[in-house]
Amino acid sequence: MDALLTAEEIALARHCLQYAQKQGASAVRITLTKSLLNLTGILNGEVDKVAHALDRSLQLQLFVDGKYGAFSSNRLEKEGLEGFVRDAIGTVKMLEPDPCRTLPAPERCARDARDGKELALYDPAYENLSAQDRKELALSSMAWPQKASLEQGFTLIAEEGEYSDSVFDSLTLDSQGLHARHTETSFEIGYESTVEDAEGNHYSSFWWDAAPRLKDLSLEGCARKACEKAAAQIGPQSVPSGKYTLIVDSECSSKLLTPVLSALGGYSLQQKNSFLADSLGKKLFPEQLSIVDKPRTVGQTGCRLFDSEGVATRELPIIERGVVKNWFINTYIAAKTGWEASVEDATRVVLEPVGGCKTQQELLEKMQDGILVTGFNGGNSNPATGNFSYGIEGFLIRGGKAVHPVREMLITGNFLSLWSRLAATADDARPCLSKCIPTLAFTGVDFSA
């Protein structure tokens, strides 16, 4: 079966839309999606598994007599879909009216997403990859069997990796004439290594990379990086509880921003489950903090020309010099609250660097002392208050250098208070992440052993 949506499948989606209108729907939105994944797994230098998965589905959103319902099906043949539509309309008619459920105004919707490839996120190289190519790509990243000896402090005892590539194609249509298509490929490599020290203790770590285009995927040394990260954990020591400078690696720094973005989302705000209620236009963050959504950056992970409603994306300041500039409000929440509609979510979030440091090492030297967090282990946050408690692992930093690993510590606090202590950042955000957040440094954060 073709990896991309075919003309026949698109014609069927259009027929489904028109048929729903004939059956009494006053408005209709249809989203047709198709995805294909190929995966090659490696265990200790040998191919361990191969997977090939194809999925396609049609989501139907119906507006009937002031009522609304959403349904989905993966049976894409004409007769079956017609029965599906009739049954769905019958179900919607039994629901309570909801006058806030409408399609977005046509002038808000995307008009420049015709063939799905406008953002250059589809790599034709995908079409020519063979099973042998995928096997070689997976094996080219491994470190096995180059085992380190105990003279180096550890032995590599296990190495598990995966190479995968996928294609995703979606088309959103509605009864107001919307036609919005998004097509992208993704190439990903990931390896997990386990090492053993002289006392028989085991330590594991992971490294990965991903890119929309195969030529941009960093394959070389992926497993070696995972092995180095695992070996670096050997010999953890306890650190007294107290206030330390918190430095968060760019690999996991989005952990501290995601709750902020969620608190700016329409559903959280409308349900009063947000610590950023009534925040629009207010300076709640430090002057040096600016965060922008850049959803139309060509060739970059996470970018989209439209959201799930078909509303056109645009570059938006989220926080500008500490001031909350935008909330994420979809058509439904806007109708319920009277707030201005925007888009329903951020897609490619960029935090502008602070303090002039280019690399993480420069940031460590600037801050001198603290704890570098390289991973979070459990914990939780309260979306209504912004209070948080997270388990961490990482390294004690003295004089700008890692002294020894630390584990089994907690950081606690409140997100507004934490971000007010932002001291500096590096400029090392990973392009493979949709949240482009560099290494961050905060002063005076509570750590407990």
Protein backbone atom coordinates (compact mmCIF):
# COMPACT_ATOMS: atom_id res chain seq x y z
CA MET A 1 0.00 0.00 0.00
CA ASP A 2 1.21 3.52 -0.77
CA ALA A 3 2.83 5.37 2.12
CA LEU A 4 1.14 8.66 1.21
CA LEU A 5 -2.55 9.42 0.86
CA THR A 6 -3.76 8.41 -2.57
CA ALA A 7 -6.13 10.30 -4.86
CA GLU A 8 -8.72 7.57 -4.24
CA GLU A 9 -8.47 7.94 -0.46
CA ILE A 10 -8.79 11.72 -0.69
CA ALA A 11 -11.80 11.39 -3.00
CA LEU A 12 -13.38 9.04 -0.46
CA ALA A 13 -12.86 11.59 2.32
CA ARG A 14 -14.55 14.26 0.18
CA HIS A 15 -17.44 11.91 -0.53
CA CYS A 16 -17.78 11.25 3.20
CA LEU A 17 -17.97 15.01 3.87
CA GLN A 18 -20.62 15.59 1.21
CA TYR A 19 -22.60 12.54 2.30
CA ALA A 20 -22.68 13.78 5.92
CA GLN A 21 -24.15 17.08 4.73
CA LYS A 22 -26.81 15.27 2.72
CA GLN A 23 -27.70 13.27 5.83
CA GLY A 24 -28.42 16.42 7.82
CA ALA A 25 -25.12 17.69 9.22
CA SER A 26 -25.00 21.48 9.21
CA ALA A 27 -21.21 21.48 9.35
CA VAL A 28 -18.55 18.78 9.01
CA ARG A 29 -14.82 18.43 9.51
CA ILE A 30 -12.89 15.40 8.33
CA THR A 31 -9.27 14.54 9.08
CA LEU A 32 -7.76 11.71 7.04
CA THR A 33 -4.40 10.38 8.26
CA LYS A 34 -1.99 7.73 7.09
CA SER A 35 1.32 6.67 8.63
CA LEU A 36 3.94 4.03 7.90
CA LEU A 37 6.71 3.00 10.31
CA ASN A 38 9.75 0.83 9.64
CA LEU A 39 11.90 -0.19 12.61
CA THR A 40 15.08 -2.23 12.98
CA GLY A 41 16.13 -3.24 16.49
CA ILE A 42 19.68 -4.20 17.49
CA LEU A 43 20.72 -6.16 20.58
CA ASN A 44 24.42 -6.63 21.36
CA GLY A 45 25.53 -6.16 17.78
CA GLU A 46 22.88 -8.27 16.06
CA VAL A 47 19.50 -7.59 14.51
CA ASP A 48 16.93 -8.43 17.17
CA LYS A 49 13.66 -7.34 15.57
CA VAL A 50 12.20 -5.81 12.44
CA ALA A 51 8.82 -4.09 12.36
CA HIS A 52 6.68 -2.65 9.59
CA ALA A 53 3.43 -0.95 10.62
CA LEU A 54 0.87 0.87 8.50
CA ASP A 55 -2.04 2.78 9.95
CA ARG A 56 -4.74 4.94 8.41
CA SER A 57 -7.88 6.43 9.85
CA LEU A 58 -10.63 8.92 9.21
CA GLN A 59 -11.84 11.23 11.98
CA LEU A 60 -15.31 12.66 11.51
CA GLN A 61 -16.50 15.72 13.46
CA LEU A 62 -20.20 16.47 13.07
CA PHE A 63 -22.25 19.53 13.92
CA VAL A 64 -25.95 18.61 13.79
CA ASP A 65 -28.88 20.72 15.06
CA GLY A 66 -26.60 22.61 17.46
CA LYS A 67 -25.08 19.37 18.73
CA TYR A 68 -21.56 17.98 18.27
CA GLY A 69 -19.84 14.62 18.14
CA ALA A 70 -16.49 13.19 17.05
CA PHE A 71 -16.01 9.71 15.62
CA SER A 72 -13.25 7.74 13.91
CA SER A 73 -12.96 4.72 11.64
CA ASN A 74 -10.21 2.80 9.87
CA ARG A 75 -12.62 1.13 7.44
CA LEU A 76 -12.11 3.17 4.33
CA GLU A 77 -14.52 1.83 1.74
CA LYS A 78 -17.52 3.75 0.40
CA GLU A 79 -20.40 1.61 1.62
CA GLY A 80 -18.91 1.07 5.06
CA LEU A 81 -18.24 4.79 5.51
CA GLU A 82 -21.75 5.75 4.49
CA GLY A 83 -23.17 3.48 7.17
CA PHE A 84 -20.64 4.86 9.63
CA VAL A 85 -21.75 8.44 8.84
CA ARG A 86 -25.45 7.62 9.21
CA ASP A 87 -24.89 5.95 12.57
CA ALA A 88 -22.71 8.84 13.77
CA ILE A 89 -25.34 11.43 12.84
CA GLY A 90 -27.98 9.39 14.65
CA THR A 91 -25.81 9.35 17.76
CA VAL A 92 -25.17 13.11 17.65
CA LYS A 93 -28.90 13.83 17.45
CA MET A 94 -29.32 12.15 20.85
CA LEU A 95 -26.81 14.47 22.54
CA GLU A 96 -27.46 17.73 24.38
CA PRO A 97 -27.07 20.93 22.35
CA ASP A 98 -23.81 22.86 22.70
CA PRO A 99 -23.99 26.21 20.90
CA CYS A 100 -20.28 26.86 21.48
CA ARG A 101 -19.32 24.05 19.09
CA THR A 102 -18.68 25.55 15.65
CA LEU A 103 -16.13 25.44 12.88
CA PRO A 104 -13.57 28.25 12.98
CA ALA A 105 -14.22 31.29 10.81
CA PRO A 106 -12.89 30.58 7.29
CA GLU A 107 -10.63 33.64 7.35
CA ARG A 108 -8.70 32.12 10.29
CA CYS A 109 -7.95 28.89 8.44
CA ALA A 110 -4.85 27.90 6.48
CA ARG A 111 -4.90 28.50 2.75
CA ASP A 112 -1.27 27.71 1.99
CA ALA A 113 -1.11 24.01 2.92
CA ARG A 114 -2.19 22.54 -0.37
CA ASP A 115 0.20 19.66 -1.10
CA GLY A 116 1.53 19.13 2.44
CA LYS A 117 5.18 19.63 1.51
CA GLU A 118 5.44 23.42 1.82
CA LEU A 119 7.60 23.22 4.97
CA ALA A 120 10.13 20.82 3.38
CA LEU A 121 9.53 18.19 6.06
CA TYR A 122 9.16 15.34 3.57
CA ASP A 123 12.38 13.63 2.45
CA PRO A 124 12.12 11.70 -0.84
CA ALA A 125 15.11 9.62 0.32
CA TYR A 126 12.59 7.67 2.38
CA GLU A 127 11.13 6.13 -0.76
CA ASN A 128 14.40 4.45 -1.76
CA LEU A 129 15.38 2.84 1.55
CA SER A 130 15.55 -0.96 1.54
CA ALA A 131 15.51 -3.39 4.46
CA GLN A 132 19.27 -3.81 4.03
CA ASP A 133 19.76 -0.03 4.13
CA ARG A 134 17.84 0.16 7.39
CA LYS A 135 19.88 -2.66 8.92
CA GLU A 136 23.14 -0.94 7.98
CA LEU A 137 21.94 2.38 9.39
CA ALA A 138 21.06 0.72 12.70
CA LEU A 139 24.37 -1.18 12.93
CA SER A 140 26.47 1.84 11.94
CA SER A 141 25.62 3.56 15.21
CA MET A 142 26.60 0.77 17.61
CA ALA A 143 29.64 0.57 19.87
CA TRP A 144 29.45 -3.19 20.43
CA PRO A 145 31.70 -5.22 20.60
CA GLN A 146 34.21 -2.50 21.45
CA LYS A 147 33.91 -3.22 25.16
CA ALA A 148 35.81 -1.04 27.59
CA SER A 149 37.85 -2.91 30.14
CA LEU A 150 37.73 -2.54 33.91
CA GLU A 151 41.00 -0.64 33.62
CA GLN A 152 38.77 2.18 32.36
CA GLY A 153 36.44 1.64 35.32
CA PHE A 154 33.64 -0.27 33.61
CA THR A 155 32.62 -3.00 31.20
CA LEU A 156 29.93 -2.59 28.55
CA ILE A 157 27.60 -5.52 29.21
CA ALA A 158 24.55 -4.73 27.09
CA GLU A 159 23.67 -2.48 24.20
CA GLU A 160 20.20 -2.14 22.71
CA GLY A 161 19.36 0.13 19.81
CA GLU A 162 16.68 1.04 17.31
CA TYR A 163 16.71 2.76 13.96
CA SER A 164 13.33 3.82 12.61
CA ASP A 165 11.94 5.86 9.78
CA SER A 166 8.36 6.90 9.25
CA VAL A 167 6.11 8.94 7.01
CA PHE A 168 3.00 10.75 8.20
CA ASP A 169 0.43 12.28 5.86
CA SER A 170 -2.75 14.07 6.94
CA LEU A 171 -5.49 16.01 5.23
CA THR A 172 -8.10 18.15 6.97
CA LEU A 173 -11.25 19.13 5.08
CA ASP A 174 -14.37 20.95 6.21
CA SER A 175 -17.73 22.01 4.84
CA GLN A 176 -16.55 25.64 4.58
CA GLY A 177 -14.00 24.73 1.90
CA LEU A 178 -10.95 24.04 4.05
CA HIS A 179 -8.21 21.93 2.43
CA ALA A 180 -5.12 21.66 4.65
CA ARG A 181 -2.51 18.94 4.16
CA HIS A 182 0.61 18.13 6.15
CA THR A 183 3.22 15.55 5.07
CA GLU A 184 6.43 14.71 6.90
CA THR A 185 9.08 12.06 7.28
CA SER A 186 11.02 11.28 10.43
CA PHE A 187 14.29 9.40 10.87
CA GLU A 188 15.36 8.36 14.36
CA ILE A 189 18.23 6.50 16.01
CA GLY A 190 18.42 5.58 19.69
CA TYR A 191 20.72 3.40 21.80
CA GLU A 192 20.66 2.33 25.44
CA SER A 193 23.87 1.05 27.02
CA THR A 194 24.39 -0.77 30.32
CA VAL A 195 27.79 -0.87 31.99
CA GLU A 196 29.14 -2.70 35.01
CA ASP A 197 31.71 -1.30 37.44
CA ALA A 198 34.39 -3.21 39.35
CA GLU A 199 31.94 -3.92 42.21
CA GLY A 200 29.30 -5.35 39.89
CA ASN A 201 26.98 -2.34 39.98
CA HIS A 202 25.02 -1.64 36.80
CA TYR A 203 24.37 1.77 35.24
CA SER A 204 22.32 2.52 32.13
CA SER A 205 21.83 5.53 29.91
CA PHE A 206 20.34 6.45 26.57
CA TRP A 207 21.18 8.71 23.63
CA TRP A 208 19.17 9.45 20.52
CA ASP A 209 18.76 11.76 17.58
CA ALA A 210 15.99 12.46 15.08
CA ALA A 211 15.50 14.58 11.97
CA PRO A 212 12.91 15.09 9.21
CA ARG A 213 15.62 14.46 6.58
CA LEU A 214 17.96 11.48 6.60
CA LYS A 215 21.07 13.53 5.79
CA ASP A 216 20.57 15.52 9.01
CA LEU A 217 20.43 12.47 11.28
CA SER A 218 23.51 12.13 13.52
CA LEU A 219 24.10 8.39 13.33
CA GLU A 220 27.79 8.16 14.15
CA GLY A 221 28.65 7.56 17.77
CA CYS A 222 25.09 7.31 19.09
CA ALA A 223 25.75 4.14 21.10
CA ARG A 224 29.16 5.39 22.21
CA LYS A 225 27.50 8.51 23.64
CA ALA A 226 25.01 6.33 25.53
CA CYS A 227 27.87 4.25 26.90
CA GLU A 228 29.78 7.34 28.01
CA LYS A 229 26.70 8.70 29.75
CA ALA A 230 26.17 5.39 31.55
CA ALA A 231 29.81 5.16 32.65
CA ALA A 232 29.71 8.74 33.93
CA GLN A 233 27.16 7.65 36.56
CA ILE A 234 29.62 5.31 38.29
CA GLY A 235 30.44 6.24 41.87
CA PRO A 236 27.53 8.48 42.89
CA GLN A 237 27.90 10.28 46.20
CA SER A 238 25.37 11.90 48.48
CA VAL A 239 25.08 15.66 48.66
CA PRO A 240 23.65 17.50 51.68
CA SER A 241 20.21 19.05 51.34
CA GLY A 242 20.19 22.78 50.75
CA LYS A 243 19.92 25.53 48.18
CA TYR A 244 22.04 25.06 45.05
CA THR A 245 22.30 26.53 41.60
CA LEU A 246 20.22 24.26 39.38
CA ILE A 247 21.65 23.69 35.90
CA VAL A 248 19.41 21.61 33.63
CA ASP A 249 20.80 19.85 30.55
CA SER A 250 19.18 20.77 27.22
CA GLU A 251 18.20 17.12 26.76
CA CYS A 252 15.64 17.43 29.58
CA SER A 253 15.22 21.18 30.18
CA SER A 254 11.76 21.23 28.55
CA LYS A 255 10.53 19.41 31.68
CA LEU A 256 10.53 22.80 33.41
CA LEU A 257 8.81 24.67 30.57
CA THR A 258 6.07 22.23 29.56
CA PRO A 259 3.94 22.94 32.69
CA VAL A 260 4.15 26.66 31.90
CA LEU A 261 2.90 26.08 28.35
CA SER A 262 0.13 23.80 29.64
CA ALA A 263 -0.95 26.51 32.06
CA LEU A 264 -1.37 28.88 29.10
CA GLY A 265 -3.71 26.44 27.33
CA GLY A 266 -7.37 27.26 26.91
CA TYR A 267 -8.83 24.21 28.64
CA SER A 268 -6.67 24.68 31.75
CA LEU A 269 -7.50 28.38 31.92
CA GLN A 270 -11.22 27.90 31.33
CA GLN A 271 -11.45 25.17 33.98
CA LYS A 272 -9.46 27.29 36.46
CA ASN A 273 -6.83 24.59 36.66
CA SER A 274 -3.93 26.88 35.79
CA PHE A 275 -1.43 28.77 37.91
CA LEU A 276 -1.33 31.36 35.11
CA ALA A 277 -5.00 32.37 35.25
CA ASP A 278 -5.51 36.09 34.47
CA SER A 279 -1.90 36.25 33.29
CA LEU A 280 -2.38 37.76 29.83
CA GLY A 281 -0.44 40.99 29.50
CA LYS A 282 1.13 40.67 32.95
CA LYS A 283 4.84 40.57 33.75
CA LEU A 284 5.10 37.37 35.75
CA PHE A 285 8.53 36.25 34.55
CA PRO A 286 11.99 37.85 34.60
CA GLU A 287 12.92 40.57 32.12
CA GLN A 288 15.45 38.35 30.34
CA LEU A 289 12.93 35.60 29.52
CA SER A 290 11.47 35.56 26.00
CA ILE A 291 9.82 32.50 24.46
CA VAL A 292 8.45 32.38 20.92
CA ASP A 293 6.40 29.86 18.97
CA LYS A 294 7.89 29.51 15.47
CA PRO A 295 5.62 26.95 13.79
CA ARG A 296 6.48 27.88 10.20
CA THR A 297 10.25 27.40 10.32
CA VAL A 298 11.08 25.48 7.15
CA GLY A 299 12.59 22.03 7.66
CA GLN A 300 12.36 21.97 11.46
CA THR A 301 10.83 19.30 13.70
CA GLY A 302 7.37 20.07 15.03
CA CYS A 303 6.46 22.77 12.53
CA ARG A 304 2.94 22.96 11.11
CA LEU A 305 1.03 25.38 8.90
CA PHE A 306 -2.24 24.67 10.73
CA ASP A 307 -3.61 23.15 13.93
CA SER A 308 -6.14 20.33 14.24
CA GLU A 309 -9.02 22.72 13.49
CA GLY A 310 -7.31 23.88 10.31
CA VAL A 311 -6.54 27.30 11.83
CA ALA A 312 -3.42 28.85 10.28
CA THR A 313 -0.40 29.02 12.55
CA ARG A 314 1.82 32.08 12.79
CA GLU A 315 4.85 33.16 14.74
CA LEU A 316 3.68 34.21 18.19
CA PRO A 317 5.49 35.61 21.22
CA ILE A 318 4.45 33.50 24.20
CA ILE A 319 6.46 35.35 26.83
CA GLU A 320 8.20 38.56 25.80
CA ARG A 321 10.69 40.11 28.21
CA GLY A 322 8.82 38.49 31.07
CA VAL A 323 5.32 39.49 29.92
CA VAL A 324 2.72 36.83 29.02
CA LYS A 325 1.74 37.79 25.47
CA ASN A 326 -0.49 34.97 24.24
CA TRP A 327 -2.74 32.16 25.40
CA PHE A 328 -3.63 29.12 23.29
CA ILE A 329 -7.37 29.33 22.72
CA ASN A 330 -9.26 27.18 20.24
CA THR A 331 -12.62 28.02 18.70
CA TYR A 332 -14.64 26.17 21.34
CA ILE A 333 -12.97 27.77 24.35
CA ALA A 334 -13.17 31.20 22.71
CA ALA A 335 -16.93 30.79 22.28
CA LYS A 336 -17.39 29.62 25.89
CA THR A 337 -15.32 32.41 27.45
CA GLY A 338 -15.37 35.33 25.08
CA TRP A 339 -11.59 35.27 24.87
CA GLU A 340 -9.90 35.92 21.55
CA ALA A 341 -9.26 32.72 19.58
CA SER A 342 -5.71 31.91 18.52
CA VAL A 343 -4.30 28.44 17.86
CA GLU A 344 -4.85 25.50 20.16
CA ASP A 345 -1.22 24.80 21.04
CA ALA A 346 2.39 25.81 20.49
CA THR A 347 4.30 23.67 18.00
CA ARG A 348 7.96 24.79 17.76
CA VAL A 349 8.82 26.59 20.98
CA VAL A 350 12.07 28.56 21.06
CA LEU A 351 13.54 30.05 24.23
CA GLU A 352 15.86 32.90 23.38
CA PRO A 353 19.31 32.41 25.01
CA VAL A 354 20.23 34.49 28.04
CA GLY A 355 23.67 35.58 29.24
CA GLY A 356 25.92 35.07 26.21
CA CYS A 357 27.09 31.49 26.86
CA LYS A 358 27.30 29.35 23.72
CA THR A 359 27.96 25.91 25.18
CA GLN A 360 27.00 24.06 28.32
CA GLN A 361 30.62 24.11 29.45
CA GLU A 362 30.71 27.90 29.17
CA LEU A 363 27.56 28.04 31.30
CA LEU A 364 29.10 25.74 33.93
CA GLU A 365 32.18 27.96 34.09
CA LYS A 366 29.98 31.04 34.43
CA MET A 367 27.94 29.56 37.29
CA GLN A 368 30.99 27.83 38.88
CA ASP A 369 29.12 25.78 41.52
CA GLY A 370 25.80 23.91 41.49
CA ILE A 371 24.14 20.68 40.46
CA LEU A 372 23.84 19.76 36.78
CA VAL A 373 20.64 17.78 36.23
CA THR A 374 20.84 15.32 33.33
CA GLY A 375 17.60 13.45 34.00
CA PHE A 376 14.36 13.51 35.97
CA ASN A 377 13.11 10.45 37.85
CA GLY A 378 9.43 10.71 38.64
CA GLY A 379 7.75 13.41 40.67
CA ASN A 380 4.79 15.62 39.93
CA SER A 381 3.50 19.15 39.63
CA ASN A 382 0.23 20.83 40.54
CA PRO A 383 -1.23 22.63 37.50
CA ALA A 384 -3.44 24.87 39.67
CA THR A 385 -0.70 26.16 41.99
CA GLY A 386 2.51 25.60 40.03
CA ASN A 387 4.12 23.73 42.90
CA PHE A 388 6.42 20.86 41.88
CA SER A 389 8.59 18.08 43.25
CA TYR A 390 10.87 16.09 40.92
CA GLY A 391 13.45 13.39 41.46
CA ILE A 392 16.72 14.12 39.67
CA GLU A 393 20.05 12.63 38.70
CA GLY A 394 23.14 14.45 37.56
CA PHE A 395 26.47 15.81 38.78
CA LEU A 396 27.82 18.05 41.50
CA ILE A 397 29.62 21.00 39.90
CA ARG A 398 32.55 22.75 41.56
CA GLY A 399 34.64 25.38 39.83
CA GLY A 400 32.79 24.80 36.57
CA LYS A 401 33.61 21.08 36.45
CA ALA A 402 31.75 17.89 37.31
CA VAL A 403 33.07 16.48 40.61
CA HIS A 404 30.97 13.31 40.98
CA PRO A 405 27.53 11.92 40.09
CA VAL A 406 24.54 12.54 42.35
CA ARG A 407 21.35 10.49 42.51
CA GLU A 408 18.21 10.14 44.61
CA MET A 409 17.70 13.83 45.24
CA LEU A 410 14.58 15.95 44.92
CA ILE A 411 14.09 19.49 43.70
CA THR A 412 11.03 21.30 45.03
CA GLY A 413 9.51 24.70 44.48
CA ASN A 414 7.02 26.71 42.45
CA PHE A 415 7.36 27.38 38.73
CA LEU A 416 6.82 31.14 38.98
CA SER A 417 9.42 31.36 41.71
CA LEU A 418 11.80 29.07 39.84
CA TRP A 419 11.66 31.04 36.59
CA SER A 420 12.17 34.29 38.51
CA ARG A 421 15.60 32.86 39.43
CA LEU A 422 16.69 32.25 35.84
CA ALA A 423 20.32 33.38 35.77
CA ALA A 424 21.59 32.35 32.34
CA THR A 425 21.30 29.77 29.58
CA ALA A 426 23.57 28.18 27.02
CA ASP A 427 22.75 28.28 23.30
CA ASP A 428 22.64 24.52 22.81
CA ALA A 429 18.99 23.61 22.21
CA ARG A 430 18.64 20.29 20.39
CA PRO A 431 17.05 20.76 16.94
CA CYS A 432 15.48 17.28 17.10
CA LEU A 433 13.10 18.48 19.82
CA SER A 434 9.98 20.53 19.12
CA LYS A 435 10.65 22.50 22.31
CA CYS A 436 13.98 24.16 21.58
CA ILE A 437 15.10 24.80 25.16
CA PRO A 438 18.83 25.18 25.90
CA THR A 439 20.68 24.28 29.09
CA LEU A 440 19.18 26.44 31.85
CA ALA A 441 20.65 27.79 35.09
CA PHE A 442 18.57 28.88 38.13
CA THR A 443 19.96 30.15 41.42
CA GLY A 444 18.83 29.24 44.93
CA VAL A 445 16.80 26.10 44.21
CA ASP A 446 15.85 23.72 47.04
CA PHE A 447 17.47 20.26 46.83
CA SER A 448 16.78 17.51 49.36
CA ALA A 449 18.53 14.21 49.77
